[in-house]
Amino acid sequence: MHVNIRKILRDYDNNEVGADNAYKGKVVQLTGVVREVKKDLFGHQIFVILGTGKLFEIPAIQAFFDKSMTDELGRLSKGMRLTVVCRVKGLLMNVLLENCSIR
């Protein structure tokens, strides 16, 4: 399902329970602006923080990728537009997306 990044962020900000009912467990495609490309504390997972382009935005999208995507993710830079396809996991400070791929 194609989702507008502004809508999913607004939905989770307004009502987490309602947003989970609409998105959790579903595969979504969305496009956002790269804010950060990082690894978790232990270096096991790589993720990209996506937003709408606003300077300060909470929540944001936190998209987790398989380590096999390391080379491709290493070529990203802040400010790039990126389209991802992922499964929605829910809200934990950011809207968490897992099993992501780049489109």
N, C-alpha and C. Protein backbone atom coordinates (compact mmCIF):
# COMPACT_ATOMS: atom_id res chain seq x y z
N MET A 1 0.85 -1.17 0.00
CA MET A 1 0.00 0.00 0.00
C MET A 1 0.90 1.23 0.00
N HIS A 2 0.63 2.17 -0.88
CA HIS A 2 1.38 3.43 -0.94
C HIS A 2 0.82 4.37 0.12
N VAL A 3 1.73 4.95 0.94
CA VAL A 3 1.33 5.83 2.03
C VAL A 3 2.12 7.12 1.93
N ASN A 4 1.45 8.24 2.12
CA ASN A 4 2.13 9.53 2.17
C ASN A 4 2.83 9.65 3.52
N ILE A 5 4.11 10.00 3.52
CA ILE A 5 4.88 10.06 4.77
C ILE A 5 4.27 11.06 5.76
N ARG A 6 3.76 12.17 5.27
CA ARG A 6 3.13 13.15 6.17
C ARG A 6 1.93 12.53 6.88
N LYS A 7 1.15 11.75 6.13
CA LYS A 7 -0.06 11.15 6.70
C LYS A 7 0.28 10.12 7.77
N ILE A 8 1.21 9.21 7.52
CA ILE A 8 1.51 8.19 8.52
C ILE A 8 2.12 8.82 9.77
N LEU A 9 2.98 9.83 9.60
CA LEU A 9 3.55 10.50 10.77
C LEU A 9 2.48 11.25 11.56
N ARG A 10 1.59 11.91 10.86
CA ARG A 10 0.50 12.64 11.52
C ARG A 10 -0.44 11.65 12.23
N ASP A 11 -0.75 10.53 11.55
CA ASP A 11 -1.63 9.54 12.16
C ASP A 11 -1.05 8.99 13.46
N TYR A 12 0.25 8.65 13.46
CA TYR A 12 0.87 8.14 14.68
C TYR A 12 0.99 9.22 15.75
N ASP A 13 1.21 10.45 15.36
CA ASP A 13 1.29 11.54 16.33
C ASP A 13 -0.07 11.81 16.97
N ASN A 14 -1.13 11.70 16.20
CA ASN A 14 -2.48 11.99 16.69
C ASN A 14 -3.09 10.87 17.53
N ASN A 15 -2.85 9.60 17.13
CA ASN A 15 -3.50 8.48 17.82
C ASN A 15 -2.76 7.19 17.48
N GLU A 16 -1.86 6.77 18.37
CA GLU A 16 -1.04 5.58 18.13
C GLU A 16 -1.89 4.32 17.94
N VAL A 17 -2.93 4.17 18.75
CA VAL A 17 -3.78 2.98 18.66
C VAL A 17 -4.48 2.92 17.30
N GLY A 18 -5.06 4.04 16.88
CA GLY A 18 -5.72 4.09 15.59
C GLY A 18 -4.75 3.86 14.44
N ALA A 19 -3.54 4.42 14.55
CA ALA A 19 -2.53 4.24 13.50
C ALA A 19 -2.08 2.79 13.44
N ASP A 20 -1.89 2.15 14.61
CA ASP A 20 -1.55 0.73 14.60
C ASP A 20 -2.63 -0.09 13.92
N ASN A 21 -3.89 0.24 14.19
CA ASN A 21 -5.00 -0.48 13.55
C ASN A 21 -4.94 -0.34 12.03
N ALA A 22 -4.50 0.82 11.56
CA ALA A 22 -4.46 1.08 10.12
C ALA A 22 -3.21 0.53 9.44
N TYR A 23 -2.06 0.54 10.15
CA TYR A 23 -0.78 0.26 9.48
C TYR A 23 0.01 -0.94 10.00
N LYS A 24 -0.08 -1.24 11.29
CA LYS A 24 0.80 -2.24 11.88
C LYS A 24 0.68 -3.60 11.19
N GLY A 25 1.84 -4.16 10.82
CA GLY A 25 1.87 -5.45 10.15
C GLY A 25 1.70 -5.37 8.65
N LYS A 26 1.36 -4.21 8.14
CA LYS A 26 1.14 -4.04 6.70
C LYS A 26 2.42 -3.59 6.01
N VAL A 27 2.55 -3.96 4.76
CA VAL A 27 3.67 -3.52 3.94
C VAL A 27 3.27 -2.21 3.27
N VAL A 28 4.12 -1.19 3.46
CA VAL A 28 3.83 0.13 2.90
C VAL A 28 5.00 0.59 2.03
N GLN A 29 4.67 1.45 1.10
CA GLN A 29 5.68 2.14 0.30
C GLN A 29 5.53 3.61 0.59
N LEU A 30 6.66 4.25 0.93
CA LEU A 30 6.61 5.69 1.18
C LEU A 30 7.92 6.34 0.76
N THR A 31 7.84 7.64 0.51
CA THR A 31 9.01 8.41 0.10
C THR A 31 9.24 9.51 1.12
N GLY A 32 10.50 9.65 1.53
CA GLY A 32 10.85 10.69 2.49
C GLY A 32 12.23 11.24 2.21
N VAL A 33 12.64 12.16 3.07
CA VAL A 33 13.95 12.81 2.96
C VAL A 33 14.88 12.16 4.00
N VAL A 34 16.05 11.72 3.56
CA VAL A 34 17.02 11.08 4.44
C VAL A 34 17.54 12.10 5.45
N ARG A 35 17.40 11.77 6.73
CA ARG A 35 17.96 12.60 7.81
C ARG A 35 19.23 11.99 8.36
N GLU A 36 19.27 10.66 8.47
CA GLU A 36 20.43 9.97 9.03
C GLU A 36 20.50 8.56 8.48
N VAL A 37 21.71 8.03 8.38
CA VAL A 37 21.95 6.62 8.07
C VAL A 37 22.85 6.12 9.20
N LYS A 38 22.37 5.13 9.97
CA LYS A 38 23.06 4.72 11.19
C LYS A 38 23.03 3.21 11.38
N LYS A 39 23.81 2.77 12.39
CA LYS A 39 23.77 1.40 12.88
C LYS A 39 23.26 1.43 14.31
N ASP A 40 22.66 0.32 14.76
CA ASP A 40 22.24 0.26 16.16
C ASP A 40 23.47 0.19 17.07
N LEU A 41 23.26 0.22 18.37
CA LEU A 41 24.36 0.26 19.34
C LEU A 41 25.38 -0.86 19.17
N PHE A 42 24.92 -2.02 18.75
CA PHE A 42 25.80 -3.17 18.64
C PHE A 42 26.28 -3.41 17.21
N GLY A 43 25.85 -2.57 16.28
CA GLY A 43 26.25 -2.70 14.88
C GLY A 43 25.57 -3.83 14.14
N HIS A 44 24.48 -4.36 14.72
CA HIS A 44 23.80 -5.49 14.11
C HIS A 44 22.79 -5.07 13.05
N GLN A 45 22.19 -3.91 13.23
CA GLN A 45 21.16 -3.47 12.29
C GLN A 45 21.52 -2.09 11.74
N ILE A 46 21.17 -1.90 10.48
CA ILE A 46 21.36 -0.61 9.83
C ILE A 46 19.98 0.01 9.63
N PHE A 47 19.88 1.32 9.89
CA PHE A 47 18.59 1.97 9.69
C PHE A 47 18.78 3.35 9.10
N VAL A 48 17.72 3.82 8.47
CA VAL A 48 17.67 5.15 7.88
C VAL A 48 16.53 5.90 8.54
N ILE A 49 16.82 7.13 8.99
CA ILE A 49 15.77 8.00 9.53
C ILE A 49 15.28 8.85 8.36
N LEU A 50 13.98 8.79 8.11
CA LEU A 50 13.34 9.56 7.04
C LEU A 50 12.34 10.53 7.64
N GLY A 51 12.23 11.69 7.03
CA GLY A 51 11.24 12.67 7.45
C GLY A 51 10.65 13.35 6.23
N THR A 52 9.94 14.43 6.50
CA THR A 52 9.30 15.19 5.42
C THR A 52 10.19 16.31 4.91
N GLY A 53 11.28 16.57 5.62
CA GLY A 53 12.17 17.66 5.26
C GLY A 53 12.15 18.78 6.29
N LYS A 54 11.22 18.70 7.26
CA LYS A 54 11.20 19.68 8.34
C LYS A 54 12.46 19.56 9.17
N LEU A 55 12.89 20.66 9.76
CA LEU A 55 14.12 20.67 10.54
C LEU A 55 14.01 19.80 11.80
N PHE A 56 12.98 20.01 12.59
CA PHE A 56 12.75 19.21 13.79
C PHE A 56 11.43 18.49 13.63
N GLU A 57 11.48 17.18 13.60
CA GLU A 57 10.28 16.39 13.33
C GLU A 57 10.26 15.16 14.22
N ILE A 58 9.24 15.09 15.08
CA ILE A 58 9.05 13.93 15.94
C ILE A 58 7.58 13.56 15.87
N PRO A 59 7.22 12.34 15.56
CA PRO A 59 8.11 11.25 15.23
C PRO A 59 8.62 11.37 13.80
N ALA A 60 9.59 10.53 13.48
CA ALA A 60 10.10 10.37 12.12
C ALA A 60 9.94 8.89 11.77
N ILE A 61 10.32 8.54 10.57
CA ILE A 61 10.32 7.13 10.15
C ILE A 61 11.70 6.56 10.44
N GLN A 62 11.76 5.38 11.04
CA GLN A 62 13.02 4.68 11.26
C GLN A 62 12.92 3.34 10.54
N ALA A 63 13.58 3.28 9.37
CA ALA A 63 13.47 2.12 8.48
C ALA A 63 14.69 1.22 8.64
N PHE A 64 14.46 -0.04 9.04
CA PHE A 64 15.53 -1.00 9.27
C PHE A 64 15.75 -1.88 8.05
N PHE A 65 17.03 -2.10 7.73
CA PHE A 65 17.42 -2.86 6.55
C PHE A 65 18.30 -4.04 6.94
N ASP A 66 18.32 -5.05 6.09
CA ASP A 66 19.22 -6.19 6.24
C ASP A 66 20.65 -5.73 5.97
N LYS A 67 21.62 -6.40 6.62
CA LYS A 67 23.03 -6.05 6.43
C LYS A 67 23.48 -6.19 4.98
N SER A 68 22.77 -6.98 4.20
CA SER A 68 23.13 -7.14 2.78
C SER A 68 22.98 -5.84 2.01
N MET A 69 22.31 -4.86 2.60
CA MET A 69 22.08 -3.56 1.95
C MET A 69 23.17 -2.53 2.30
N THR A 70 24.23 -2.96 3.01
CA THR A 70 25.25 -2.05 3.51
C THR A 70 25.84 -1.17 2.42
N ASP A 71 26.23 -1.75 1.30
CA ASP A 71 26.85 -0.95 0.22
C ASP A 71 25.89 0.09 -0.32
N GLU A 72 24.66 -0.32 -0.59
CA GLU A 72 23.67 0.61 -1.13
C GLU A 72 23.35 1.73 -0.15
N LEU A 73 23.19 1.38 1.12
CA LEU A 73 22.88 2.39 2.14
C LEU A 73 24.07 3.32 2.38
N GLY A 74 25.28 2.80 2.18
CA GLY A 74 26.48 3.61 2.34
C GLY A 74 26.61 4.72 1.31
N ARG A 75 25.85 4.63 0.23
CA ARG A 75 25.88 5.67 -0.81
C ARG A 75 24.84 6.76 -0.59
N LEU A 76 24.00 6.62 0.43
CA LEU A 76 22.99 7.64 0.71
C LEU A 76 23.62 8.83 1.41
N SER A 77 22.98 9.98 1.29
CA SER A 77 23.44 11.15 2.03
C SER A 77 22.23 11.95 2.50
N LYS A 78 22.45 12.75 3.54
CA LYS A 78 21.38 13.57 4.09
C LYS A 78 20.78 14.45 3.01
N GLY A 79 19.46 14.59 3.06
CA GLY A 79 18.75 15.45 2.13
C GLY A 79 18.26 14.75 0.88
N MET A 80 18.74 13.52 0.62
CA MET A 80 18.27 12.76 -0.55
C MET A 80 16.83 12.32 -0.34
N ARG A 81 16.09 12.24 -1.42
CA ARG A 81 14.75 11.64 -1.37
C ARG A 81 14.92 10.14 -1.58
N LEU A 82 14.21 9.36 -0.76
CA LEU A 82 14.34 7.91 -0.80
C LEU A 82 12.97 7.27 -0.70
N THR A 83 12.73 6.29 -1.56
CA THR A 83 11.49 5.52 -1.50
C THR A 83 11.82 4.13 -0.96
N VAL A 84 11.07 3.71 0.05
CA VAL A 84 11.28 2.41 0.67
C VAL A 84 9.97 1.62 0.69
N VAL A 85 10.12 0.31 0.73
CA VAL A 85 9.00 -0.61 0.93
C VAL A 85 9.34 -1.42 2.17
N CYS A 86 8.45 -1.36 3.17
CA CYS A 86 8.74 -1.97 4.48
C CYS A 86 7.45 -2.44 5.14
N ARG A 87 7.63 -3.26 6.19
CA ARG A 87 6.51 -3.67 7.05
C ARG A 87 6.50 -2.77 8.28
N VAL A 88 5.33 -2.25 8.62
CA VAL A 88 5.19 -1.35 9.77
C VAL A 88 5.20 -2.17 11.05
N LYS A 89 6.08 -1.78 11.97
CA LYS A 89 6.21 -2.46 13.26
C LYS A 89 5.46 -1.73 14.37
N GLY A 90 5.34 -0.39 14.25
CA GLY A 90 4.64 0.39 15.27
C GLY A 90 5.47 1.58 15.70
N LEU A 91 5.08 2.17 16.81
CA LEU A 91 5.70 3.40 17.30
C LEU A 91 6.55 3.12 18.54
N LEU A 92 7.79 3.58 18.53
CA LEU A 92 8.66 3.56 19.68
C LEU A 92 9.57 4.78 19.52
N MET A 93 9.08 5.93 19.93
CA MET A 93 9.66 7.25 19.66
C MET A 93 9.52 7.61 18.17
N ASN A 94 9.99 6.75 17.28
CA ASN A 94 9.78 6.90 15.84
C ASN A 94 8.84 5.82 15.35
N VAL A 95 8.32 6.00 14.13
CA VAL A 95 7.54 4.95 13.50
C VAL A 95 8.54 3.96 12.94
N LEU A 96 8.52 2.73 13.47
CA LEU A 96 9.49 1.71 13.09
C LEU A 96 8.99 0.89 11.91
N LEU A 97 9.85 0.76 10.92
CA LEU A 97 9.57 -0.06 9.74
C LEU A 97 10.66 -1.11 9.65
N GLU A 98 10.29 -2.35 9.31
CA GLU A 98 11.27 -3.44 9.25
C GLU A 98 11.22 -4.14 7.90
N ASN A 99 12.24 -4.97 7.65
CA ASN A 99 12.34 -5.71 6.38
C ASN A 99 12.25 -4.78 5.18
N CYS A 100 13.00 -3.70 5.25
CA CYS A 100 12.90 -2.65 4.22
C CYS A 100 13.75 -2.95 3.00
N SER A 101 13.27 -2.45 1.88
CA SER A 101 14.04 -2.44 0.64
C SER A 101 13.89 -1.07 0.01
N ILE A 102 14.81 -0.74 -0.87
CA ILE A 102 14.79 0.56 -1.55
C ILE A 102 14.16 0.39 -2.91
N ARG A 103 13.33 1.34 -3.29
CA ARG A 103 12.71 1.36 -4.62
C ARG A 103 13.31 2.44 -5.45
